PDB file of all heavy atoms in Angstrom:
ATOM      1  N   ASN A   1       6.225  -6.826  -1.418  1.00  0.00           N
ATOM      2  CA  ASN A   1       4.901  -6.729  -2.099  1.00  0.00           C
ATOM      3  C   ASN A   1       3.790  -6.253  -1.172  1.00  0.00           C
ATOM      4  O   ASN A   1       2.612  -6.131  -1.563  1.00  0.00           O
ATOM      5  CB  ASN A   1       4.559  -8.145  -2.614  1.00  0.00           C
ATOM      6  CG  ASN A   1       5.411  -8.475  -3.805  1.00  0.00           C
ATOM      7  OD1 ASN A   1       6.024  -7.616  -4.491  1.00  0.00           O
ATOM      8  ND2 ASN A   1       5.562  -9.764  -4.124  1.00  0.00           N
ATOM      9  N   TRP A   2       4.076  -6.030   0.100  1.00  0.00           N
ATOM     10  CA  TRP A   2       3.089  -5.570   1.109  1.00  0.00           C
ATOM     11  C   TRP A   2       3.280  -4.049   1.447  1.00  0.00           C
ATOM     12  O   TRP A   2       4.422  -3.684   1.398  1.00  0.00           O
ATOM     13  CB  TRP A   2       3.222  -6.374   2.442  1.00  0.00           C
ATOM     14  CG  TRP A   2       2.552  -7.751   2.483  1.00  0.00           C
ATOM     15  CD1 TRP A   2       3.162  -8.872   2.087  1.00  0.00           C
ATOM     16  CD2 TRP A   2       1.335  -8.029   2.917  1.00  0.00           C
ATOM     17  NE1 TRP A   2       2.327  -9.895   2.353  1.00  0.00           N
ATOM     18  CE2 TRP A   2       1.149  -9.454   2.847  1.00  0.00           C
ATOM     19  CE3 TRP A   2       0.265  -7.218   3.483  1.00  0.00           C
ATOM     20  CZ2 TRP A   2       0.061 -10.095   3.261  1.00  0.00           C
ATOM     21  CZ3 TRP A   2      -0.892  -7.928   3.893  1.00  0.00           C
ATOM     22  CH2 TRP A   2      -0.989  -9.323   3.804  1.00  0.00           C
ATOM     23  N   ILE A   3       2.209  -3.428   1.743  1.00  0.00           N
ATOM     24  CA  ILE A   3       2.325  -2.120   2.313  1.00  0.00           C
ATOM     25  C   ILE A   3       1.182  -1.929   3.272  1.00  0.00           C
ATOM     26  O   ILE A   3       0.084  -2.379   2.922  1.00  0.00           O
ATOM     27  CB  ILE A   3       2.347  -0.934   1.265  1.00  0.00           C
ATOM     28  CG1 ILE A   3       2.658   0.410   1.854  1.00  0.00           C
ATOM     29  CG2 ILE A   3       1.108  -0.962   0.450  1.00  0.00           C
ATOM     30  CD1 ILE A   3       4.035   0.535   2.399  1.00  0.00           C
ATOM     31  N   ALA A   4       1.392  -1.319   4.407  1.00  0.00           N
ATOM     32  CA  ALA A   4       0.350  -1.203   5.433  1.00  0.00           C
ATOM     33  C   ALA A   4       0.372   0.152   6.075  1.00  0.00           C
ATOM     34  O   ALA A   4       1.319   0.917   6.024  1.00  0.00           O
ATOM     35  CB  ALA A   4       0.500  -2.249   6.532  1.00  0.00           C
ATOM     36  N   ASP A   5      -0.746   0.484   6.705  1.00  0.00           N
ATOM     37  CA  ASP A   5      -0.802   1.743   7.463  1.00  0.00           C
ATOM     38  C   ASP A   5       0.053   1.694   8.751  1.00  0.00           C
ATOM     39  O   ASP A   5       0.667   0.726   9.145  1.00  0.00           O
ATOM     40  CB  ASP A   5      -2.216   2.113   7.854  1.00  0.00           C
ATOM     41  CG  ASP A   5      -2.866   1.259   8.943  1.00  0.00           C
ATOM     42  OD1 ASP A   5      -2.518   0.064   8.942  1.00  0.00           O
ATOM     43  OD2 ASP A   5      -3.565   1.794   9.753  1.00  0.00           O
ATOM     44  N   ARG A   6       0.143   2.809   9.496  1.00  0.00           N
ATOM     45  CA  ARG A   6       1.027   2.877  10.638  1.00  0.00           C
ATOM     46  C   ARG A   6       0.666   1.890  11.671  1.00  0.00           C
ATOM     47  O   ARG A   6       1.574   1.318  12.327  1.00  0.00           O
ATOM     48  CB  ARG A   6       0.932   4.340  11.195  1.00  0.00           C
ATOM     49  CG  ARG A   6       1.897   4.590  12.306  1.00  0.00           C
ATOM     50  CD  ARG A   6       1.800   6.061  12.734  1.00  0.00           C
ATOM     51  NE  ARG A   6       0.520   6.317  13.393  1.00  0.00           N
ATOM     52  CZ  ARG A   6       0.068   7.495  13.728  1.00  0.00           C
ATOM     53  NH1 ARG A   6       0.803   8.571  13.524  1.00  0.00           N
ATOM     54  NH2 ARG A   6      -1.059   7.718  14.335  1.00  0.00           N
ATOM     55  N   ALA A   7      -0.532   1.561  11.833  1.00  0.00           N
ATOM     56  CA  ALA A   7      -1.007   0.638  12.885  1.00  0.00           C
ATOM     57  C   ALA A   7      -1.166  -0.779  12.496  1.00  0.00           C
ATOM     58  O   ALA A   7      -1.512  -1.706  13.251  1.00  0.00           O
ATOM     59  CB  ALA A   7      -2.333   1.167  13.512  1.00  0.00           C
ATOM     60  N   GLY A   8      -0.909  -1.019  11.150  1.00  0.00           N
ATOM     61  CA  GLY A   8      -1.096  -2.378  10.590  1.00  0.00           C
ATOM     62  C   GLY A   8      -2.521  -2.839  10.575  1.00  0.00           C
ATOM     63  O   GLY A   8      -2.799  -4.081  10.572  1.00  0.00           O
ATOM     64  N   MET A   9      -3.442  -1.933  10.449  1.00  0.00           N
ATOM     65  CA  MET A   9      -4.907  -2.260  10.400  1.00  0.00           C
ATOM     66  C   MET A   9      -5.385  -2.397   8.918  1.00  0.00           C
ATOM     67  O   MET A   9      -6.381  -3.024   8.747  1.00  0.00           O
ATOM     68  CB  MET A   9      -5.744  -1.156  11.134  1.00  0.00           C
ATOM     69  CG  MET A   9      -5.418  -1.056  12.602  1.00  0.00           C
ATOM     70  SD  MET A   9      -6.583  -0.005  13.492  1.00  0.00           S
ATOM     71  CE  MET A   9      -6.409   1.549  12.588  1.00  0.00           C
ATOM     72  N   ALA A  10      -4.764  -1.654   8.055  1.00  0.00           N
ATOM     73  CA  ALA A  10      -5.128  -1.736   6.668  1.00  0.00           C
ATOM     74  C   ALA A  10      -3.941  -1.983   5.806  1.00  0.00           C
ATOM     75  O   ALA A  10      -2.786  -1.465   6.072  1.00  0.00           O
ATOM     76  CB  ALA A  10      -5.757  -0.423   6.205  1.00  0.00           C
ATOM     77  N   ALA A  11      -4.042  -2.838   4.818  1.00  0.00           N
ATOM     78  CA  ALA A  11      -2.887  -3.258   3.975  1.00  0.00           C
ATOM     79  C   ALA A  11      -3.247  -3.451   2.582  1.00  0.00           C
ATOM     80  O   ALA A  11      -4.434  -3.663   2.225  1.00  0.00           O
ATOM     81  CB  ALA A  11      -2.238  -4.510   4.554  1.00  0.00           C
ATOM     82  N   ILE A  12      -2.237  -3.469   1.691  1.00  0.00           N
ATOM     83  CA  ILE A  12      -2.393  -3.785   0.214  1.00  0.00           C
ATOM     84  C   ILE A  12      -1.324  -4.758  -0.166  1.00  0.00           C
ATOM     85  O   ILE A  12      -0.114  -4.565   0.281  1.00  0.00           O
ATOM     86  CB  ILE A  12      -2.279  -2.485  -0.564  1.00  0.00           C
ATOM     87  CG1 ILE A  12      -3.392  -1.493  -0.229  1.00  0.00           C
ATOM     88  CG2 ILE A  12      -2.217  -2.750  -2.032  1.00  0.00           C
ATOM     89  CD1 ILE A  12      -3.266  -0.127  -0.886  1.00  0.00           C
ATOM     90  N   LEU A  13      -1.691  -5.748  -0.871  1.00  0.00           N
ATOM     91  CA  LEU A  13      -0.753  -6.768  -1.297  1.00  0.00           C
ATOM     92  C   LEU A  13      -0.815  -6.890  -2.818  1.00  0.00           C
ATOM     93  O   LEU A  13      -1.926  -7.008  -3.398  1.00  0.00           O
ATOM     94  CB  LEU A  13      -1.145  -8.181  -0.776  1.00  0.00           C
ATOM     95  CG  LEU A  13      -0.451  -9.393  -1.290  1.00  0.00           C
ATOM     96  CD1 LEU A  13       1.000  -9.376  -0.963  1.00  0.00           C
ATOM     97  CD2 LEU A  13      -1.129 -10.619  -0.769  1.00  0.00           C
ATOM     98  N   VAL A  14       0.318  -6.711  -3.505  1.00  0.00           N
ATOM     99  CA  VAL A  14       0.356  -7.038  -4.992  1.00  0.00           C
ATOM    100  C   VAL A  14       0.869  -8.422  -5.136  1.00  0.00           C
ATOM    101  O   VAL A  14       1.784  -8.876  -4.474  1.00  0.00           O
ATOM    102  CB  VAL A  14       1.221  -6.005  -5.679  1.00  0.00           C
ATOM    103  CG1 VAL A  14       0.589  -4.625  -5.657  1.00  0.00           C
ATOM    104  CG2 VAL A  14       2.671  -5.933  -5.113  1.00  0.00           C
ATOM    105  N   THR A  15       0.239  -9.177  -6.116  1.00  0.00           N
ATOM    106  CA  THR A  15       0.479 -10.605  -6.216  1.00  0.00           C
ATOM    107  C   THR A  15       1.111 -11.028  -7.533  1.00  0.00           C
ATOM    108  O   THR A  15       1.583 -12.133  -7.530  1.00  0.00           O
ATOM    109  CB  THR A  15      -0.834 -11.409  -6.004  1.00  0.00           C
ATOM    110  OG1 THR A  15      -1.717 -11.012  -7.134  1.00  0.00           O
ATOM    111  CG2 THR A  15      -1.532 -11.028  -4.698  1.00  0.00           C
ATOM    112  N   SER A  16       1.074 -10.249  -8.536  1.00  0.00           N
ATOM    113  CA  SER A  16       1.556 -10.774  -9.869  1.00  0.00           C
ATOM    114  C   SER A  16       2.067  -9.724 -10.729  1.00  0.00           C
ATOM    115  O   SER A  16       3.162  -9.267 -10.611  1.00  0.00           O
ATOM    116  CB  SER A  16       0.385 -11.568 -10.473  1.00  0.00           C
ATOM    117  OG  SER A  16      -0.763 -10.684 -10.774  1.00  0.00           O
ATOM    118  N   ARG A  17       1.254  -9.295 -11.700  1.00  0.00           N
ATOM    119  CA  ARG A  17       1.830  -8.521 -12.875  1.00  0.00           C
ATOM    120  C   ARG A  17       2.263  -7.117 -12.471  1.00  0.00           C
ATOM    121  O   ARG A  17       3.279  -6.629 -13.095  1.00  0.00           O
ATOM    122  CB  ARG A  17       0.779  -8.440 -13.938  1.00  0.00           C
ATOM    123  CG  ARG A  17       0.344  -9.725 -14.535  1.00  0.00           C
ATOM    124  CD  ARG A  17      -0.721  -9.478 -15.611  1.00  0.00           C
ATOM    125  NE  ARG A  17      -2.001  -9.162 -15.025  1.00  0.00           N
ATOM    126  CZ  ARG A  17      -3.125  -8.732 -15.660  1.00  0.00           C
ATOM    127  NH1 ARG A  17      -2.991  -8.652 -17.034  1.00  0.00           N
ATOM    128  NH2 ARG A  17      -4.202  -8.390 -15.042  1.00  0.00           N
ATOM    129  N   TYR A  18       1.528  -6.503 -11.558  1.00  0.00           N
ATOM    130  CA  TYR A  18       1.736  -5.099 -11.410  1.00  0.00           C
ATOM    131  C   TYR A  18       2.444  -4.778 -10.035  1.00  0.00           C
ATOM    132  O   TYR A  18       1.849  -5.054  -8.991  1.00  0.00           O
ATOM    133  CB  TYR A  18       0.381  -4.320 -11.414  1.00  0.00           C
ATOM    134  CG  TYR A  18      -0.366  -4.628 -12.695  1.00  0.00           C
ATOM    135  CD1 TYR A  18      -1.514  -5.346 -12.665  1.00  0.00           C
ATOM    136  CD2 TYR A  18       0.171  -4.203 -13.883  1.00  0.00           C
ATOM    137  CE1 TYR A  18      -2.228  -5.594 -13.843  1.00  0.00           C
ATOM    138  CE2 TYR A  18      -0.554  -4.420 -15.063  1.00  0.00           C
ATOM    139  CZ  TYR A  18      -1.765  -5.163 -15.052  1.00  0.00           C
ATOM    140  OH  TYR A  18      -2.415  -5.355 -16.182  1.00  0.00           O
ATOM    141  N   PRO A  19       3.628  -4.189  -9.971  1.00  0.00           N
ATOM    142  CA  PRO A  19       4.277  -3.909  -8.777  1.00  0.00           C
ATOM    143  C   PRO A  19       3.744  -2.601  -8.129  1.00  0.00           C
ATOM    144  O   PRO A  19       2.975  -1.859  -8.782  1.00  0.00           O
ATOM    145  CB  PRO A  19       5.766  -3.728  -9.220  1.00  0.00           C
ATOM    146  CG  PRO A  19       5.652  -3.196 -10.615  1.00  0.00           C
ATOM    147  CD  PRO A  19       4.487  -3.866 -11.194  1.00  0.00           C
ATOM    148  N   ILE A  20       4.171  -2.300  -6.941  1.00  0.00           N
ATOM    149  CA  ILE A  20       3.893  -1.018  -6.292  1.00  0.00           C
ATOM    150  C   ILE A  20       4.720   0.041  -6.940  1.00  0.00           C
ATOM    151  O   ILE A  20       5.875   0.027  -6.759  1.00  0.00           O
ATOM    152  CB  ILE A  20       4.069  -1.083  -4.774  1.00  0.00           C
ATOM    153  CG1 ILE A  20       3.060  -2.130  -4.195  1.00  0.00           C
ATOM    154  CG2 ILE A  20       3.916   0.278  -4.146  1.00  0.00           C
ATOM    155  CD1 ILE A  20       3.310  -2.399  -2.699  1.00  0.00           C
ATOM    156  N   GLN A  21       4.175   1.013  -7.648  1.00  0.00           N
ATOM    157  CA  GLN A  21       4.914   2.017  -8.297  1.00  0.00           C
ATOM    158  C   GLN A  21       5.286   3.139  -7.314  1.00  0.00           C
ATOM    159  O   GLN A  21       6.385   3.769  -7.453  1.00  0.00           O
ATOM    160  CB  GLN A  21       4.044   2.629  -9.420  1.00  0.00           C
ATOM    161  CG  GLN A  21       3.787   1.719 -10.575  1.00  0.00           C
ATOM    162  CD  GLN A  21       2.874   2.347 -11.549  1.00  0.00           C
ATOM    163  OE1 GLN A  21       1.630   2.555 -11.240  1.00  0.00           O
ATOM    164  NE2 GLN A  21       3.272   2.665 -12.758  1.00  0.00           N
ATOM    165  N   GLU A  22       4.395   3.448  -6.347  1.00  0.00           N
ATOM    166  CA  GLU A  22       4.630   4.515  -5.419  1.00  0.00           C
ATOM    167  C   GLU A  22       3.881   4.272  -4.154  1.00  0.00           C
ATOM    168  O   GLU A  22       2.685   3.941  -4.209  1.00  0.00           O
ATOM    169  CB  GLU A  22       4.217   5.790  -6.101  1.00  0.00           C
ATOM    170  CG  GLU A  22       4.360   7.026  -5.140  1.00  0.00           C
ATOM    171  CD  GLU A  22       3.693   8.246  -5.784  1.00  0.00           C
ATOM    172  OE1 GLU A  22       3.308   8.234  -6.982  1.00  0.00           O
ATOM    173  OE2 GLU A  22       3.521   9.249  -5.008  1.00  0.00           O
ATOM    174  N   VAL A  23       4.483   4.508  -2.964  1.00  0.00           N
ATOM    175  CA  VAL A  23       3.837   4.512  -1.747  1.00  0.00           C
ATOM    176  C   VAL A  23       3.446   5.897  -1.519  1.00  0.00           C
ATOM    177  O   VAL A  23       4.283   6.769  -1.124  1.00  0.00           O
ATOM    178  CB  VAL A  23       4.739   4.041  -0.566  1.00  0.00           C
ATOM    179  CG1 VAL A  23       3.930   4.063   0.747  1.00  0.00           C
ATOM    180  CG2 VAL A  23       5.088   2.585  -0.909  1.00  0.00           C
ATOM    181  N   VAL A  24       2.114   6.227  -1.645  1.00  0.00           N
ATOM    182  CA  VAL A  24       1.635   7.642  -1.531  1.00  0.00           C
ATOM    183  C   VAL A  24       1.685   8.031  -0.050  1.00  0.00           C
ATOM    184  O   VAL A  24       2.225   9.100   0.316  1.00  0.00           O
ATOM    185  CB  VAL A  24       0.251   7.764  -2.069  1.00  0.00           C
ATOM    186  CG1 VAL A  24      -0.288   9.180  -1.864  1.00  0.00           C
ATOM    187  CG2 VAL A  24       0.242   7.441  -3.590  1.00  0.00           C
ATOM    188  N   THR A  25       1.112   7.191   0.792  1.00  0.00           N
ATOM    189  CA  THR A  25       1.192   7.429   2.226  1.00  0.00           C
ATOM    190  C   THR A  25       0.863   6.160   3.019  1.00  0.00           C
ATOM    191  O   THR A  25       0.027   5.396   2.675  1.00  0.00           O
ATOM    192  CB  THR A  25       0.237   8.543   2.670  1.00  0.00           C
ATOM    193  OG1 THR A  25       0.319   8.786   4.084  1.00  0.00           O
ATOM    194  CG2 THR A  25      -1.281   8.152   2.420  1.00  0.00           C
ATOM    195  N   ASN A  26       1.626   5.958   4.134  1.00  0.00           N
ATOM    196  CA  ASN A  26       1.372   4.905   5.055  1.00  0.00           C
ATOM    197  C   ASN A  26       1.568   5.317   6.499  1.00  0.00           C
ATOM    198  O   ASN A  26       1.912   4.606   7.388  1.00  0.00           O
ATOM    199  CB  ASN A  26       2.189   3.689   4.748  1.00  0.00           C
ATOM    200  CG  ASN A  26       3.721   3.865   4.846  1.00  0.00           C
ATOM    201  OD1 ASN A  26       4.119   5.097   4.845  1.00  0.00           O
ATOM    202  ND2 ASN A  26       4.499   2.888   4.844  1.00  0.00           N
ATOM    203  N   ARG A  27       1.523   6.753   6.668  1.00  0.00           N
ATOM    204  CA  ARG A  27       1.846   7.304   8.020  1.00  0.00           C
ATOM    205  C   ARG A  27       0.634   7.549   8.854  1.00  0.00           C
ATOM    206  O   ARG A  27       0.798   8.064   9.998  1.00  0.00           O
ATOM    207  CB  ARG A  27       2.598   8.572   7.793  1.00  0.00           C
ATOM    208  CG  ARG A  27       1.916   9.701   7.053  1.00  0.00           C
ATOM    209  CD  ARG A  27       2.741  10.817   6.565  1.00  0.00           C
ATOM    210  NE  ARG A  27       2.110  11.812   5.807  1.00  0.00           N
ATOM    211  CZ  ARG A  27       1.604  12.964   6.342  1.00  0.00           C
ATOM    212  NH1 ARG A  27       1.643  13.126   7.609  1.00  0.00           N
ATOM    213  NH2 ARG A  27       1.007  13.879   5.570  1.00  0.00           N
ATOM    214  N   TYR A  28      -0.536   7.269   8.347  1.00  0.00           N
ATOM    215  CA  TYR A  28      -1.703   7.509   9.199  1.00  0.00           C
ATOM    216  C   TYR A  28      -2.285   6.159   9.664  1.00  0.00           C
ATOM    217  O   TYR A  28      -1.887   5.061   9.313  1.00  0.00           O
ATOM    218  CB  TYR A  28      -2.872   8.067   8.334  1.00  0.00           C
ATOM    219  CG  TYR A  28      -2.530   9.560   7.764  1.00  0.00           C
ATOM    220  CD1 TYR A  28      -2.154   9.697   6.473  1.00  0.00           C
ATOM    221  CD2 TYR A  28      -2.552  10.600   8.600  1.00  0.00           C
ATOM    222  CE1 TYR A  28      -1.803  10.938   5.931  1.00  0.00           C
ATOM    223  CE2 TYR A  28      -2.261  11.859   8.107  1.00  0.00           C
ATOM    224  CZ  TYR A  28      -1.889  12.025   6.801  1.00  0.00           C
ATOM    225  OH  TYR A  28      -1.604  13.252   6.309  1.00  0.00           O
ATOM    226  N   GLU A  29      -3.190   6.239  10.681  1.00  0.00           N
ATOM    227  CA  GLU A  29      -3.898   5.043  11.129  1.00  0.00           C
ATOM    228  C   GLU A  29      -5.237   4.889  10.381  1.00  0.00           C
ATOM    229  O   GLU A  29      -5.925   5.881  10.246  1.00  0.00           O
ATOM    230  CB  GLU A  29      -4.201   5.126  12.663  1.00  0.00           C
ATOM    231  CG  GLU A  29      -2.939   4.902  13.481  1.00  0.00           C
ATOM    232  CD  GLU A  29      -3.313   4.792  14.946  1.00  0.00           C
ATOM    233  OE1 GLU A  29      -4.493   4.672  15.278  1.00  0.00           O
ATOM    234  OE2 GLU A  29      -2.428   4.840  15.796  1.00  0.00           O
ATOM    235  N   GLY A  30      -5.487   3.723   9.905  1.00  0.00           N
ATOM    236  CA  GLY A  30      -6.805   3.486   9.277  1.00  0.00           C
ATOM    237  C   GLY A  30      -6.798   3.392   7.789  1.00  0.00           C
ATOM    238  O   GLY A  30      -7.787   2.855   7.214  1.00  0.00           O
ATOM    239  N   PHE A  31      -5.775   3.879   7.120  1.00  0.00           N
ATOM    240  CA  PHE A  31      -5.699   3.751   5.619  1.00  0.00           C
ATOM    241  C   PHE A  31      -4.313   3.786   5.112  1.00  0.00           C
ATOM    242  O   PHE A  31      -3.432   4.387   5.789  1.00  0.00           O
ATOM    243  CB  PHE A  31      -6.630   4.798   4.946  1.00  0.00           C
ATOM    244  CG  PHE A  31      -6.021   6.217   5.044  1.00  0.00           C
ATOM    245  CD1 PHE A  31      -5.359   6.726   4.001  1.00  0.00           C
ATOM    246  CD2 PHE A  31      -6.291   7.026   6.107  1.00  0.00           C
ATOM    247  CE1 PHE A  31      -4.792   8.000   4.046  1.00  0.00           C
ATOM    248  CE2 PHE A  31      -5.806   8.320   6.208  1.00  0.00           C
ATOM    249  CZ  PHE A  31      -5.078   8.787   5.118  1.00  0.00           C
ATOM    250  N   VAL A  32      -4.091   3.213   3.965  1.00  0.00           N
ATOM    251  CA  VAL A  32      -2.857   3.276   3.272  1.00  0.00           C
ATOM    252  C   VAL A  32      -3.115   3.528   1.815  1.00  0.00           C
ATOM    253  O   VAL A  32      -4.145   2.932   1.300  1.00  0.00           O
ATOM    254  CB  VAL A  32      -2.026   2.026   3.534  1.00  0.00           C
ATOM    255  CG1 VAL A  32      -2.831   0.743   3.046  1.00  0.00           C
ATOM    256  CG2 VAL A  32      -0.669   1.986   2.771  1.00  0.00           C
ATOM    257  N   VAL A  33      -2.325   4.217   1.047  1.00  0.00           N
ATOM    258  CA  VAL A  33      -2.564   4.557  -0.333  1.00  0.00           C
ATOM    259  C   VAL A  33      -1.236   4.228  -1.157  1.00  0.00           C
ATOM    260  O   VAL A  33      -0.171   4.701  -0.709  1.00  0.00           O
ATOM    261  CB  VAL A  33      -2.927   6.000  -0.545  1.00  0.00           C
ATOM    262  CG1 VAL A  33      -3.208   6.275  -2.074  1.00  0.00           C
ATOM    263  CG2 VAL A  33      -4.109   6.433   0.290  1.00  0.00           C
ATOM    264  N   THR A  34      -1.412   3.551  -2.188  1.00  0.00           N
ATOM    265  CA  THR A  34      -0.309   3.220  -3.108  1.00  0.00           C
ATOM    266  C   THR A  34      -0.742   3.440  -4.513  1.00  0.00           C
ATOM    267  O   THR A  34      -1.898   3.537  -4.835  1.00  0.00           O
ATOM    268  CB  THR A  34       0.170   1.702  -2.951  1.00  0.00           C
ATOM    269  OG1 THR A  34      -0.858   0.871  -3.450  1.00  0.00           O
ATOM    270  CG2 THR A  34       0.554   1.374  -1.614  1.00  0.00           C
ATOM    271  N   LYS A  35       0.229   3.516  -5.433  1.00  0.00           N
ATOM    272  CA  LYS A  35      -0.037   3.687  -6.850  1.00  0.00           C
ATOM    273  C   LYS A  35       0.382   2.384  -7.482  1.00  0.00           C
ATOM    274  O   LYS A  35       1.536   1.939  -7.410  1.00  0.00           O
ATOM    275  CB  LYS A  35       0.746   4.847  -7.414  1.00  0.00           C
ATOM    276  CG  LYS A  35       0.437   5.131  -8.894  1.00  0.00           C
ATOM    277  CD  LYS A  35       1.194   6.289  -9.416  1.00  0.00           C
ATOM    278  CE  LYS A  35       0.944   6.550 -10.911  1.00  0.00           C
ATOM    279  NZ  LYS A  35       1.783   7.660 -11.417  1.00  0.00           N
ATOM    280  N   ILE A  36      -0.608   1.721  -8.207  1.00  0.00           N
ATOM    281  CA  ILE A  36      -0.368   0.465  -8.892  1.00  0.00           C
ATOM    282  C   ILE A  36      -0.939   0.518 -10.349  1.00  0.00           C
ATOM    283  O   ILE A  36      -2.114   0.791 -10.420  1.00  0.00           O
ATOM    284  CB  ILE A  36      -0.946  -0.757  -8.087  1.00  0.00           C
ATOM    285  CG1 ILE A  36      -0.535  -0.759  -6.656  1.00  0.00           C
ATOM    286  CG2 ILE A  36      -0.725  -2.067  -8.763  1.00  0.00           C
ATOM    287  CD1 ILE A  36      -1.220  -1.693  -5.749  1.00  0.00           C
ATOM    288  N   ASN A  37      -0.095   0.270 -11.259  1.00  0.00           N
ATOM    289  CA  ASN A  37      -0.577   0.256 -12.729  1.00  0.00           C
ATOM    290  C   ASN A  37      -1.339   1.525 -13.002  1.00  0.00           C
ATOM    291  O   ASN A  37      -2.372   1.588 -13.663  1.00  0.00           O
ATOM    292  CB  ASN A  37      -1.471  -0.938 -12.896  1.00  0.00           C
ATOM    293  CG  ASN A  37      -1.851  -1.111 -14.368  1.00  0.00           C
ATOM    294  OD1 ASN A  37      -1.038  -0.777 -15.236  1.00  0.00           O
ATOM    295  ND2 ASN A  37      -2.979  -1.536 -14.633  1.00  0.00           N
ATOM    296  N   GLY A  38      -0.868   2.651 -12.481  1.00  0.00           N
ATOM    297  CA  GLY A  38      -1.454   3.939 -12.747  1.00  0.00           C
ATOM    298  C   GLY A  38      -2.660   4.305 -11.957  1.00  0.00           C
ATOM    299  O   GLY A  38      -3.323   5.378 -12.165  1.00  0.00           O
TER     300      GLY A  38
END
């Protein structure tokens, strides 16, 4: 339910109804992008 950037500085946690549909990118430092509920 967790996804984070390469350096572990930014993260996203899904907690209930909506799972992570797609990990768009987590290969950079400073940001992470996922697709959740469209």
